[in-house]
Amino acid sequence: MVHAEFALSELGYFHGVTRSAENTRLAYEYYVGHAEWFAEEGGRRLLDLCARASRAAVRG
């Protein structure tokens, strides 16, 4: 979630402040690329690991 928030803030900065179309495009690709990664095997494994750790922490 931190990466998503950072990428969205970059999008806002490059689009709204610097008006750089190229940097806005790069920030968008960064954001989408991270989102797509979580649908791939490595991302799914990480999400599963996080879910298991969270359940274990709740159980104590």
Protein backbone atom coordinates (compact mmCIF):
# COMPACT_ATOMS: atom_id res chain seq x y z
CA MET A 1 0.00 0.00 0.00
CA VAL A 2 2.88 2.36 0.69
CA HIS A 3 4.17 1.89 -2.87
CA ALA A 4 0.73 2.58 -4.28
CA GLU A 5 0.37 5.75 -2.24
CA PHE A 6 3.85 6.91 -3.25
CA ALA A 7 3.20 6.22 -6.94
CA LEU A 8 -0.10 8.12 -6.79
CA SER A 9 1.62 11.08 -5.14
CA GLU A 10 4.23 11.02 -7.92
CA LEU A 11 1.46 11.02 -10.51
CA GLY A 12 -0.09 14.07 -8.88
CA TYR A 13 3.25 15.85 -8.62
CA PHE A 14 4.43 15.21 -12.16
CA HIS A 15 1.04 15.93 -13.70
CA GLY A 16 -0.06 18.83 -11.54
CA VAL A 17 3.15 20.54 -10.48
CA THR A 18 5.83 19.91 -13.08
CA ARG A 19 3.44 19.30 -15.99
CA SER A 20 5.87 16.64 -17.27
CA ALA A 21 3.98 14.25 -19.50
CA GLU A 22 6.97 11.89 -19.71
CA ASN A 23 7.44 11.65 -15.94
CA THR A 24 3.69 11.31 -15.44
CA ARG A 25 3.72 8.37 -17.86
CA LEU A 26 6.66 6.77 -16.04
CA ALA A 27 4.95 7.17 -12.66
CA TYR A 28 1.78 5.61 -14.08
CA GLU A 29 3.75 2.66 -15.48
CA TYR A 30 5.45 2.21 -12.10
CA TYR A 31 2.07 2.17 -10.36
CA VAL A 32 0.48 -0.27 -12.81
CA GLY A 33 3.57 -2.48 -12.87
CA HIS A 34 3.50 -2.91 -9.11
CA ALA A 35 -0.19 -3.70 -9.17
CA GLU A 36 0.31 -6.30 -11.90
CA TRP A 37 3.17 -7.91 -9.98
CA PHE A 38 0.83 -8.83 -7.13
CA ALA A 39 -1.23 -10.92 -9.59
CA GLU A 40 1.87 -12.91 -10.57
CA GLU A 41 3.29 -15.90 -8.68
CA GLY A 42 5.79 -13.94 -6.60
CA GLY A 43 3.22 -11.35 -5.59
CA ARG A 44 0.64 -13.99 -4.69
CA ARG A 45 3.25 -15.80 -2.55
CA LEU A 46 4.07 -12.58 -0.73
CA LEU A 47 0.39 -11.80 -0.11
CA ASP A 48 -0.16 -15.35 1.17
CA LEU A 49 2.83 -15.07 3.50
CA CYS A 50 1.52 -11.74 4.84
CA ALA A 51 -1.94 -13.22 5.38
CA ARG A 52 -0.54 -16.22 7.27
CA ALA A 53 1.67 -13.98 9.44
CA SER A 54 -1.29 -11.73 10.20
CA ARG A 55 -3.48 -14.68 11.23
CA ALA A 56 -0.68 -16.05 13.42
CA ALA A 57 -0.24 -12.66 15.12
CA VAL A 58 -3.95 -12.43 15.86
CA ARG A 59 -3.94 -15.91 17.39
CA GLY A 60 -0.97 -14.91 19.55
